[in-house]
Amino acid sequence: MSPEEHFPERRHLQVTPEDEIEALIARLPLGDRAAFGRLYDLTGAKLHGICLRVLKDGAAAEDAVQETYVKVWNAAGRFVPGAGNAMGWLVTIARNTAIDRLRARRRGEVGTEAAEALPAPGATPEQVAEARSEAARIVQCLDELDPAHRAAVVGVYLDGLSYADLAERRGMPLNTVRTWLRRSLQRLKECMAR
C-alpha cells in the first residue's frame, strides 16, 4: 500500500520517506506483513548500520536488527503517528537493543534464550501518557536551540549519525561538533529542569 493510500488527504502533497515510514508503522498493529516488509526495505540498512556501529560485529549486528524488528512489530501499536519522528523511534529501538546486547556481552552473559523467554515489559497507560508529555517537552526544548545546533543533536541522537559523520557532513572540525553537542545537551538539560 502506498503512502498516498495510507494518507488520502495527502495525495496532492509530496509524500516524504518519513511519511511512508509512519504510515507503514501504523499498519503493523493490523498484522500487515506487506507493510512490515516494506518498512524493513526502507529502514533495514540504516538500522543495521547503527547496530554495527555499536556492536562492531556483523553477526551480532544482524541479530540486534532482527531483535529490533521483533520489538517494532510488537510495539507498533504504541507508536502515535504525528506525535514524533518515526525514523527516530526506530533508531532509538535499534540503538537501545544494540547497547543492551553490548552490555550483556561485556558482562559475559550468554543466556539469550533465557532472556528471550521472559515477557517484554509493557508500558502502562500512565507511563505512556508520561512519556508523551516528556517527548513534547523535549521537542519544545529542542525548538529553543539554534537551528544548526538542533540539527546536530537530531542527527546524532535521533538519526544515528556518529560525531565524525556529522562533522564530515557539516565540513567542521570534530572537536567543534563535540562542543556544539555538549553545549546543546546542557541547554536541553536546563530547559527540561524548568
N, C-alpha and C. Protein backbone atom coordinates (compact mmCIF):
# COMPACT_ATOMS: atom_id res chain seq x y z
N MET A 1 0.85 -1.17 0.00
CA MET A 1 0.00 0.00 0.00
C MET A 1 0.90 1.23 0.00
N SER A 2 0.59 2.14 -0.87
CA SER A 2 1.42 3.35 -0.99
C SER A 2 1.10 4.32 0.13
N PRO A 3 2.01 5.26 0.40
CA PRO A 3 1.76 6.26 1.44
C PRO A 3 0.50 7.08 1.14
N GLU A 4 0.23 7.32 -0.15
CA GLU A 4 -0.96 8.08 -0.51
C GLU A 4 -2.22 7.34 -0.08
N GLU A 5 -2.18 6.00 -0.14
CA GLU A 5 -3.33 5.22 0.29
C GLU A 5 -3.49 5.25 1.80
N HIS A 6 -2.38 5.35 2.52
CA HIS A 6 -2.44 5.45 3.98
C HIS A 6 -2.95 6.81 4.41
N PHE A 7 -2.58 7.84 3.65
CA PHE A 7 -2.97 9.21 3.98
C PHE A 7 -3.64 9.83 2.75
N PRO A 8 -4.92 9.49 2.47
CA PRO A 8 -5.56 10.01 1.27
C PRO A 8 -5.61 11.53 1.22
N GLU A 9 -5.67 12.19 2.37
CA GLU A 9 -5.73 13.65 2.38
C GLU A 9 -4.42 14.27 1.92
N ARG A 10 -3.37 13.47 1.79
CA ARG A 10 -2.06 13.99 1.38
C ARG A 10 -1.76 13.72 -0.09
N ARG A 11 -2.73 13.23 -0.86
CA ARG A 11 -2.47 12.87 -2.25
C ARG A 11 -1.90 14.02 -3.06
N HIS A 12 -2.38 15.22 -2.79
CA HIS A 12 -1.92 16.37 -3.55
C HIS A 12 -0.57 16.88 -3.05
N LEU A 13 -0.12 16.39 -1.90
CA LEU A 13 1.18 16.78 -1.35
C LEU A 13 2.22 15.72 -1.70
N GLN A 14 3.46 16.12 -1.70
CA GLN A 14 4.52 15.15 -1.90
C GLN A 14 4.72 14.38 -0.61
N VAL A 15 4.69 13.05 -0.70
CA VAL A 15 4.83 12.21 0.48
C VAL A 15 6.32 11.95 0.69
N THR A 16 6.80 12.26 1.88
CA THR A 16 8.21 12.10 2.20
C THR A 16 8.46 10.67 2.67
N PRO A 17 9.72 10.23 2.68
CA PRO A 17 10.03 8.91 3.23
C PRO A 17 9.57 8.79 4.69
N GLU A 18 9.67 9.87 5.45
CA GLU A 18 9.22 9.85 6.85
C GLU A 18 7.73 9.56 6.91
N ASP A 19 6.94 10.17 6.01
CA ASP A 19 5.50 9.91 5.95
C ASP A 19 5.24 8.44 5.66
N GLU A 20 5.99 7.90 4.72
CA GLU A 20 5.78 6.49 4.35
C GLU A 20 6.13 5.58 5.52
N ILE A 21 7.22 5.86 6.20
CA ILE A 21 7.62 5.03 7.35
C ILE A 21 6.54 5.11 8.43
N GLU A 22 6.05 6.29 8.69
CA GLU A 22 5.00 6.47 9.69
C GLU A 22 3.75 5.69 9.31
N ALA A 23 3.37 5.75 8.03
CA ALA A 23 2.18 5.03 7.56
C ALA A 23 2.37 3.52 7.68
N LEU A 24 3.57 3.05 7.39
CA LEU A 24 3.84 1.62 7.48
C LEU A 24 3.77 1.14 8.94
N ILE A 25 4.33 1.92 9.85
CA ILE A 25 4.26 1.56 11.27
C ILE A 25 2.81 1.50 11.72
N ALA A 26 2.00 2.42 11.21
CA ALA A 26 0.59 2.45 11.59
C ALA A 26 -0.14 1.19 11.13
N ARG A 27 0.35 0.52 10.10
CA ARG A 27 -0.29 -0.70 9.59
C ARG A 27 0.13 -1.96 10.35
N LEU A 28 1.21 -1.90 11.10
CA LEU A 28 1.72 -3.09 11.78
C LEU A 28 0.76 -3.66 12.81
N PRO A 29 0.11 -2.84 13.64
CA PRO A 29 -0.81 -3.43 14.63
C PRO A 29 -1.96 -4.21 13.99
N LEU A 30 -2.20 -3.97 12.69
CA LEU A 30 -3.24 -4.70 11.97
C LEU A 30 -2.72 -6.02 11.41
N GLY A 31 -1.45 -6.31 11.68
CA GLY A 31 -0.85 -7.55 11.20
C GLY A 31 -0.46 -7.50 9.74
N ASP A 32 -0.23 -6.32 9.20
CA ASP A 32 0.08 -6.15 7.79
C ASP A 32 1.54 -6.52 7.52
N ARG A 33 1.72 -7.75 7.03
CA ARG A 33 3.08 -8.25 6.77
C ARG A 33 3.73 -7.55 5.58
N ALA A 34 2.92 -7.15 4.61
CA ALA A 34 3.48 -6.42 3.46
C ALA A 34 4.05 -5.08 3.92
N ALA A 35 3.34 -4.40 4.82
CA ALA A 35 3.84 -3.14 5.36
C ALA A 35 5.13 -3.38 6.14
N PHE A 36 5.18 -4.48 6.88
CA PHE A 36 6.38 -4.82 7.64
C PHE A 36 7.57 -5.04 6.70
N GLY A 37 7.33 -5.77 5.60
CA GLY A 37 8.39 -6.00 4.62
C GLY A 37 8.89 -4.71 4.00
N ARG A 38 7.95 -3.83 3.65
CA ARG A 38 8.33 -2.54 3.07
C ARG A 38 9.08 -1.69 4.07
N LEU A 39 8.64 -1.71 5.34
CA LEU A 39 9.34 -0.98 6.40
C LEU A 39 10.77 -1.47 6.51
N TYR A 40 10.95 -2.77 6.47
CA TYR A 40 12.30 -3.34 6.55
C TYR A 40 13.13 -2.88 5.34
N ASP A 41 12.53 -2.92 4.15
CA ASP A 41 13.25 -2.49 2.94
C ASP A 41 13.73 -1.04 3.06
N LEU A 42 12.88 -0.19 3.62
CA LEU A 42 13.21 1.24 3.73
C LEU A 42 14.21 1.54 4.83
N THR A 43 14.18 0.78 5.91
CA THR A 43 14.94 1.17 7.11
C THR A 43 16.01 0.17 7.53
N GLY A 44 15.98 -1.04 6.99
CA GLY A 44 16.88 -2.10 7.45
C GLY A 44 18.36 -1.74 7.37
N ALA A 45 18.77 -1.14 6.27
CA ALA A 45 20.20 -0.82 6.10
C ALA A 45 20.65 0.20 7.15
N LYS A 46 19.82 1.21 7.38
CA LYS A 46 20.20 2.24 8.35
C LYS A 46 20.27 1.65 9.76
N LEU A 47 19.27 0.84 10.13
CA LEU A 47 19.26 0.25 11.47
C LEU A 47 20.42 -0.73 11.63
N HIS A 48 20.74 -1.45 10.55
CA HIS A 48 21.90 -2.36 10.62
C HIS A 48 23.17 -1.55 10.84
N GLY A 49 23.30 -0.43 10.16
CA GLY A 49 24.48 0.42 10.34
C GLY A 49 24.61 0.92 11.78
N ILE A 50 23.49 1.27 12.38
CA ILE A 50 23.51 1.74 13.77
C ILE A 50 23.95 0.61 14.69
N CYS A 51 23.36 -0.57 14.50
CA CYS A 51 23.72 -1.71 15.35
C CYS A 51 25.18 -2.11 15.14
N LEU A 52 25.64 -2.06 13.90
CA LEU A 52 27.03 -2.40 13.60
C LEU A 52 27.98 -1.40 14.24
N ARG A 53 27.62 -0.12 14.23
CA ARG A 53 28.45 0.91 14.84
C ARG A 53 28.60 0.66 16.34
N VAL A 54 27.53 0.21 16.99
CA VAL A 54 27.57 -0.02 18.43
C VAL A 54 28.30 -1.33 18.74
N LEU A 55 27.97 -2.39 18.01
CA LEU A 55 28.46 -3.73 18.36
C LEU A 55 29.80 -4.09 17.71
N LYS A 56 30.11 -3.46 16.57
CA LYS A 56 31.38 -3.70 15.86
C LYS A 56 31.56 -5.16 15.47
N ASP A 57 30.45 -5.84 15.18
CA ASP A 57 30.47 -7.26 14.81
C ASP A 57 29.26 -7.49 13.91
N GLY A 58 29.53 -7.95 12.68
CA GLY A 58 28.47 -8.12 11.69
C GLY A 58 27.36 -9.07 12.13
N ALA A 59 27.74 -10.22 12.64
CA ALA A 59 26.74 -11.21 13.06
C ALA A 59 25.92 -10.69 14.24
N ALA A 60 26.59 -10.07 15.20
CA ALA A 60 25.88 -9.52 16.36
C ALA A 60 24.94 -8.39 15.92
N ALA A 61 25.38 -7.58 14.95
CA ALA A 61 24.53 -6.51 14.45
C ALA A 61 23.29 -7.07 13.77
N GLU A 62 23.46 -8.14 12.98
CA GLU A 62 22.31 -8.76 12.32
C GLU A 62 21.33 -9.30 13.35
N ASP A 63 21.84 -9.91 14.41
CA ASP A 63 20.96 -10.40 15.48
C ASP A 63 20.22 -9.25 16.15
N ALA A 64 20.92 -8.15 16.38
CA ALA A 64 20.30 -6.99 17.02
C ALA A 64 19.23 -6.38 16.12
N VAL A 65 19.48 -6.36 14.81
CA VAL A 65 18.48 -5.83 13.87
C VAL A 65 17.23 -6.72 13.88
N GLN A 66 17.45 -8.03 13.89
CA GLN A 66 16.30 -8.94 13.94
C GLN A 66 15.50 -8.71 15.22
N GLU A 67 16.18 -8.60 16.33
CA GLU A 67 15.50 -8.33 17.60
C GLU A 67 14.79 -6.98 17.57
N THR A 68 15.40 -6.00 16.92
CA THR A 68 14.79 -4.68 16.80
C THR A 68 13.46 -4.77 16.07
N TYR A 69 13.43 -5.49 14.95
CA TYR A 69 12.18 -5.58 14.19
C TYR A 69 11.11 -6.39 14.92
N VAL A 70 11.51 -7.35 15.72
CA VAL A 70 10.53 -8.05 16.56
C VAL A 70 9.92 -7.05 17.55
N LYS A 71 10.76 -6.23 18.15
CA LYS A 71 10.27 -5.21 19.09
C LYS A 71 9.36 -4.21 18.38
N VAL A 72 9.74 -3.80 17.18
CA VAL A 72 8.93 -2.85 16.42
C VAL A 72 7.56 -3.47 16.12
N TRP A 73 7.54 -4.72 15.68
CA TRP A 73 6.29 -5.40 15.37
C TRP A 73 5.38 -5.43 16.61
N ASN A 74 5.97 -5.75 17.75
CA ASN A 74 5.20 -5.87 18.99
C ASN A 74 4.79 -4.52 19.58
N ALA A 75 5.58 -3.48 19.34
CA ALA A 75 5.32 -2.17 19.97
C ALA A 75 4.66 -1.17 19.04
N ALA A 76 4.41 -1.54 17.81
CA ALA A 76 3.89 -0.58 16.82
C ALA A 76 2.57 0.04 17.26
N GLY A 77 1.77 -0.68 18.01
CA GLY A 77 0.50 -0.14 18.48
C GLY A 77 0.66 1.02 19.43
N ARG A 78 1.85 1.15 20.02
CA ARG A 78 2.09 2.25 20.96
C ARG A 78 2.66 3.48 20.28
N PHE A 79 3.06 3.33 19.00
CA PHE A 79 3.56 4.49 18.26
C PHE A 79 2.38 5.36 17.85
N VAL A 80 2.50 6.66 18.10
CA VAL A 80 1.43 7.60 17.77
C VAL A 80 1.85 8.39 16.53
N PRO A 81 1.23 8.12 15.37
CA PRO A 81 1.59 8.88 14.16
C PRO A 81 1.40 10.37 14.39
N GLY A 82 2.36 11.14 13.91
CA GLY A 82 2.29 12.58 14.04
C GLY A 82 2.81 13.12 15.36
N ALA A 83 3.02 12.23 16.34
CA ALA A 83 3.47 12.69 17.65
C ALA A 83 4.99 12.70 17.76
N GLY A 84 5.66 12.13 16.80
CA GLY A 84 7.11 12.09 16.88
C GLY A 84 7.70 11.68 15.55
N ASN A 85 8.98 11.57 15.51
CA ASN A 85 9.72 11.20 14.33
C ASN A 85 9.75 9.68 14.22
N ALA A 86 9.12 9.12 13.18
CA ALA A 86 9.02 7.66 13.03
C ALA A 86 10.41 7.04 12.91
N MET A 87 11.26 7.62 12.09
CA MET A 87 12.60 7.06 11.93
C MET A 87 13.37 7.18 13.23
N GLY A 88 13.19 8.28 13.93
CA GLY A 88 13.85 8.44 15.24
C GLY A 88 13.40 7.37 16.22
N TRP A 89 12.12 7.01 16.17
CA TRP A 89 11.58 5.95 17.03
C TRP A 89 12.27 4.61 16.71
N LEU A 90 12.40 4.30 15.42
CA LEU A 90 13.06 3.06 15.01
C LEU A 90 14.54 3.07 15.41
N VAL A 91 15.20 4.19 15.19
CA VAL A 91 16.62 4.32 15.53
C VAL A 91 16.82 4.11 17.04
N THR A 92 15.94 4.69 17.83
CA THR A 92 16.04 4.55 19.29
C THR A 92 15.92 3.09 19.70
N ILE A 93 14.97 2.38 19.12
CA ILE A 93 14.80 0.96 19.44
C ILE A 93 16.04 0.17 19.04
N ALA A 94 16.55 0.43 17.84
CA ALA A 94 17.74 -0.29 17.36
C ALA A 94 18.96 0.01 18.24
N ARG A 95 19.17 1.29 18.53
CA ARG A 95 20.33 1.68 19.34
C ARG A 95 20.24 1.06 20.73
N ASN A 96 19.07 1.13 21.36
CA ASN A 96 18.91 0.55 22.69
C ASN A 96 19.09 -0.96 22.68
N THR A 97 18.60 -1.61 21.65
CA THR A 97 18.77 -3.06 21.52
C THR A 97 20.25 -3.40 21.40
N ALA A 98 20.95 -2.67 20.55
CA ALA A 98 22.38 -2.93 20.36
C ALA A 98 23.16 -2.65 21.65
N ILE A 99 22.83 -1.57 22.33
CA ILE A 99 23.52 -1.23 23.58
C ILE A 99 23.25 -2.30 24.64
N ASP A 100 22.00 -2.77 24.73
CA ASP A 100 21.68 -3.84 25.68
C ASP A 100 22.49 -5.09 25.38
N ARG A 101 22.62 -5.43 24.11
CA ARG A 101 23.41 -6.61 23.73
C ARG A 101 24.89 -6.41 24.04
N LEU A 102 25.38 -5.20 23.81
CA LEU A 102 26.78 -4.90 24.11
C LEU A 102 27.05 -5.02 25.60
N ARG A 103 26.16 -4.48 26.41
CA ARG A 103 26.32 -4.58 27.86
C ARG A 103 26.28 -6.03 28.32
N ALA A 104 25.36 -6.79 27.77
CA ALA A 104 25.27 -8.21 28.13
C ALA A 104 26.54 -8.94 27.74
N ARG A 105 27.06 -8.62 26.56
CA ARG A 105 28.30 -9.26 26.10
C ARG A 105 29.46 -8.89 27.01
N ARG A 106 29.52 -7.63 27.43
CA ARG A 106 30.61 -7.19 28.30
C ARG A 106 30.53 -7.84 29.68
N ARG A 107 29.31 -8.10 30.13
CA ARG A 107 29.15 -8.78 31.43
C ARG A 107 29.37 -10.27 31.32
N GLY A 108 29.51 -10.76 30.09
CA GLY A 108 29.74 -12.18 29.89
C GLY A 108 28.47 -13.00 29.96
N GLU A 109 27.34 -12.34 29.86
CA GLU A 109 26.08 -13.07 29.89
C GLU A 109 25.84 -13.68 28.52
N VAL A 110 25.59 -14.97 28.51
CA VAL A 110 25.37 -15.66 27.26
C VAL A 110 23.92 -16.09 27.13
N GLY A 111 23.19 -16.15 28.20
CA GLY A 111 21.87 -16.73 28.22
C GLY A 111 20.80 -15.94 27.50
N THR A 112 20.95 -15.75 26.18
CA THR A 112 19.94 -15.02 25.44
C THR A 112 18.63 -15.79 25.37
N GLU A 113 18.71 -17.12 25.39
CA GLU A 113 17.47 -17.90 25.36
C GLU A 113 16.64 -17.62 26.60
N ALA A 114 17.28 -17.52 27.75
CA ALA A 114 16.56 -17.24 28.99
C ALA A 114 15.97 -15.83 28.95
N ALA A 115 16.74 -14.89 28.41
CA ALA A 115 16.24 -13.52 28.34
C ALA A 115 15.07 -13.42 27.37
N GLU A 116 15.14 -14.17 26.25
CA GLU A 116 14.05 -14.13 25.29
C GLU A 116 12.79 -14.80 25.82
N ALA A 117 12.93 -15.70 26.78
CA ALA A 117 11.77 -16.38 27.35
C ALA A 117 10.99 -15.48 28.29
N LEU A 118 11.63 -14.42 28.79
CA LEU A 118 10.95 -13.50 29.69
C LEU A 118 10.02 -12.61 28.89
N PRO A 119 8.83 -12.34 29.41
CA PRO A 119 7.94 -11.43 28.68
C PRO A 119 8.49 -10.01 28.67
N ALA A 120 8.30 -9.35 27.55
CA ALA A 120 8.75 -7.96 27.45
C ALA A 120 7.86 -7.10 28.33
N PRO A 121 8.47 -6.25 29.14
CA PRO A 121 7.63 -5.40 29.98
C PRO A 121 6.89 -4.38 29.12
N GLY A 122 5.60 -4.29 29.31
CA GLY A 122 4.79 -3.33 28.56
C GLY A 122 4.56 -2.09 29.40
N ALA A 123 4.41 -1.00 28.72
CA ALA A 123 4.17 0.26 29.43
C ALA A 123 2.71 0.33 29.84
N THR A 124 2.49 0.87 31.02
CA THR A 124 1.13 1.09 31.49
C THR A 124 0.59 2.35 30.82
N PRO A 125 -0.72 2.57 30.82
CA PRO A 125 -1.26 3.79 30.23
C PRO A 125 -0.67 5.05 30.86
N GLU A 126 -0.41 5.01 32.16
CA GLU A 126 0.17 6.17 32.83
C GLU A 126 1.58 6.43 32.32
N GLN A 127 2.34 5.34 32.11
CA GLN A 127 3.70 5.50 31.62
C GLN A 127 3.70 6.05 30.19
N VAL A 128 2.75 5.58 29.38
CA VAL A 128 2.64 6.08 28.00
C VAL A 128 2.32 7.57 28.01
N ALA A 129 1.36 7.97 28.85
CA ALA A 129 0.99 9.39 28.93
C ALA A 129 2.17 10.23 29.40
N GLU A 130 2.90 9.73 30.38
CA GLU A 130 4.06 10.46 30.89
C GLU A 130 5.14 10.57 29.82
N ALA A 131 5.35 9.48 29.07
CA ALA A 131 6.36 9.50 28.02
C ALA A 131 5.99 10.50 26.92
N ARG A 132 4.70 10.56 26.58
CA ARG A 132 4.26 11.53 25.56
C ARG A 132 4.48 12.96 26.04
N SER A 133 4.17 13.19 27.29
CA SER A 133 4.35 14.52 27.86
C SER A 133 5.83 14.90 27.85
N GLU A 134 6.66 13.96 28.23
CA GLU A 134 8.11 14.18 28.25
C GLU A 134 8.62 14.44 26.83
N ALA A 135 8.10 13.68 25.85
CA ALA A 135 8.51 13.87 24.46
C ALA A 135 8.13 15.27 23.98
N ALA A 136 6.94 15.73 24.36
CA ALA A 136 6.52 17.07 23.97
C ALA A 136 7.44 18.12 24.57
N ARG A 137 7.87 17.93 25.82
CA ARG A 137 8.80 18.86 26.47
C ARG A 137 10.15 18.86 25.75
N ILE A 138 10.61 17.69 25.36
CA ILE A 138 11.89 17.59 24.66
C ILE A 138 11.81 18.34 23.34
N VAL A 139 10.72 18.15 22.59
CA VAL A 139 10.55 18.85 21.32
C VAL A 139 10.53 20.36 21.55
N GLN A 140 9.83 20.79 22.59
CA GLN A 140 9.76 22.21 22.91
C GLN A 140 11.17 22.75 23.23
N CYS A 141 11.92 21.99 24.00
CA CYS A 141 13.28 22.42 24.35
C CYS A 141 14.20 22.40 23.13
N LEU A 142 14.03 21.41 22.25
CA LEU A 142 14.83 21.37 21.02
C LEU A 142 14.56 22.62 20.18
N ASP A 143 13.31 23.05 20.16
CA ASP A 143 12.95 24.24 19.37
C ASP A 143 13.62 25.50 19.89
N GLU A 144 14.04 25.50 21.15
CA GLU A 144 14.72 26.66 21.71
C GLU A 144 16.19 26.74 21.30
N LEU A 145 16.72 25.65 20.76
CA LEU A 145 18.12 25.64 20.32
C LEU A 145 18.27 26.36 18.99
N ASP A 146 19.47 26.86 18.75
CA ASP A 146 19.82 27.40 17.45
C ASP A 146 19.57 26.29 16.42
N PRO A 147 19.01 26.64 15.25
CA PRO A 147 18.67 25.60 14.26
C PRO A 147 19.84 24.68 13.89
N ALA A 148 21.03 25.21 13.77
CA ALA A 148 22.19 24.37 13.42
C ALA A 148 22.51 23.41 14.56
N HIS A 149 22.41 23.88 15.79
CA HIS A 149 22.68 23.02 16.94
C HIS A 149 21.59 21.96 17.09
N ARG A 150 20.34 22.38 16.86
CA ARG A 150 19.23 21.42 16.92
C ARG A 150 19.43 20.31 15.88
N ALA A 151 19.82 20.70 14.68
CA ALA A 151 20.05 19.72 13.61
C ALA A 151 21.17 18.76 13.99
N ALA A 152 22.19 19.27 14.66
CA ALA A 152 23.29 18.41 15.10
C ALA A 152 22.81 17.41 16.14
N VAL A 153 22.02 17.85 17.10
CA VAL A 153 21.50 16.95 18.15
C VAL A 153 20.62 15.89 17.52
N VAL A 154 19.71 16.30 16.64
CA VAL A 154 18.81 15.36 15.98
C VAL A 154 19.61 14.37 15.13
N GLY A 155 20.60 14.87 14.42
CA GLY A 155 21.41 14.00 13.57
C GLY A 155 22.11 12.90 14.35
N VAL A 156 22.67 13.25 15.50
CA VAL A 156 23.42 12.27 16.29
C VAL A 156 22.51 11.39 17.12
N TYR A 157 21.56 12.00 17.83
CA TYR A 157 20.80 11.24 18.81
C TYR A 157 19.50 10.64 18.29
N LEU A 158 19.00 11.11 17.14
CA LEU A 158 17.79 10.51 16.59
C LEU A 158 18.04 9.80 15.27
N ASP A 159 18.91 10.37 14.44
CA ASP A 159 19.15 9.78 13.14
C ASP A 159 20.31 8.81 13.13
N GLY A 160 21.04 8.72 14.24
CA GLY A 160 22.09 7.71 14.36
C GLY A 160 23.43 8.07 13.74
N LEU A 161 23.66 9.33 13.44
CA LEU A 161 24.96 9.72 12.89
C LEU A 161 26.02 9.69 13.99
N SER A 162 27.22 9.36 13.62
CA SER A 162 28.32 9.47 14.56
C SER A 162 28.80 10.92 14.56
N TYR A 163 29.57 11.29 15.56
CA TYR A 163 30.13 12.64 15.60
C TYR A 163 30.95 12.90 14.34
N ALA A 164 31.72 11.89 13.93
CA ALA A 164 32.57 12.03 12.75
C ALA A 164 31.73 12.23 11.49
N ASP A 165 30.61 11.47 11.37
CA ASP A 165 29.72 11.64 10.22
C ASP A 165 29.18 13.05 10.16
N LEU A 166 28.74 13.54 11.31
CA LEU A 166 28.17 14.88 11.37
C LEU A 166 29.22 15.93 11.03
N ALA A 167 30.42 15.78 11.57
CA ALA A 167 31.49 16.73 11.28
C ALA A 167 31.81 16.75 9.78
N GLU A 168 31.83 15.56 9.18
CA GLU A 168 32.12 15.47 7.76
C GLU A 168 31.02 16.13 6.93
N ARG A 169 29.76 15.85 7.28
CA ARG A 169 28.64 16.44 6.53
C ARG A 169 28.61 17.96 6.65
N ARG A 170 28.99 18.47 7.81
CA ARG A 170 28.96 19.91 8.03
C ARG A 170 30.25 20.60 7.60
N GLY A 171 31.28 19.79 7.31
CA GLY A 171 32.57 20.37 6.95
C GLY A 171 33.20 21.11 8.11
N MET A 172 33.03 20.54 9.30
CA MET A 172 33.51 21.19 10.53
C MET A 172 34.50 20.27 11.24
N PRO A 173 35.37 20.84 12.07
CA PRO A 173 36.26 20.01 12.87
C PRO A 173 35.46 19.17 13.87
N LEU A 174 35.92 17.99 14.13
CA LEU A 174 35.25 17.06 15.04
C LEU A 174 35.07 17.67 16.42
N ASN A 175 36.10 18.37 16.92
CA ASN A 175 36.00 18.97 18.25
C ASN A 175 34.93 20.06 18.32
N THR A 176 34.72 20.77 17.22
CA THR A 176 33.67 21.78 17.19
C THR A 176 32.30 21.12 17.31
N VAL A 177 32.12 20.01 16.61
CA VAL A 177 30.86 19.27 16.68
C VAL A 177 30.65 18.77 18.11
N ARG A 178 31.69 18.24 18.71
CA ARG A 178 31.57 17.76 20.10
C ARG A 178 31.17 18.90 21.05
N THR A 179 31.78 20.06 20.85
CA THR A 179 31.46 21.21 21.69
C THR A 179 30.01 21.63 21.48
N TRP A 180 29.57 21.69 20.23
CA TRP A 180 28.17 22.02 19.94
C TRP A 180 27.23 21.09 20.67
N LEU A 181 27.51 19.81 20.54
CA LEU A 181 26.62 18.81 21.15
C LEU A 181 26.63 18.91 22.67
N ARG A 182 27.81 19.07 23.24
CA ARG A 182 27.90 19.17 24.71
C ARG A 182 27.11 20.39 25.20
N ARG A 183 27.31 21.53 24.56
CA ARG A 183 26.59 22.75 24.96
C ARG A 183 25.08 22.61 24.72
N SER A 184 24.71 22.02 23.60
CA SER A 184 23.30 21.83 23.29
C SER A 184 22.63 20.91 24.30
N LEU A 185 23.30 19.84 24.67
CA LEU A 185 22.74 18.92 25.66
C LEU A 185 22.61 19.61 27.02
N GLN A 186 23.57 20.47 27.34
CA GLN A 186 23.47 21.21 28.60
C GLN A 186 22.27 22.15 28.58
N ARG A 187 22.05 22.82 27.43
CA ARG A 187 20.88 23.70 27.31
C ARG A 187 19.58 22.91 27.40
N LEU A 188 19.57 21.73 26.77
CA LEU A 188 18.38 20.88 26.86
C LEU A 188 18.12 20.45 28.30
N LYS A 189 19.18 20.10 28.98
CA LYS A 189 19.04 19.68 30.39
C LYS A 189 18.48 20.81 31.23
N GLU A 190 18.99 22.02 31.02
CA GLU A 190 18.49 23.20 31.76
C GLU A 190 17.02 23.48 31.43
N CYS A 191 16.69 23.37 30.16
CA CYS A 191 15.30 23.59 29.73
C CYS A 191 14.38 22.56 30.36
N MET A 192 14.78 21.31 30.36
CA MET A 192 13.93 20.24 30.91
C MET A 192 13.76 20.39 32.43
N ALA A 193 14.73 21.04 33.08
CA ALA A 193 14.65 21.22 34.54
C ALA A 193 13.71 22.35 34.92
N ARG A 194 13.36 23.23 33.98
CA ARG A 194 12.46 24.35 34.30
C ARG A 194 11.06 23.87 34.60
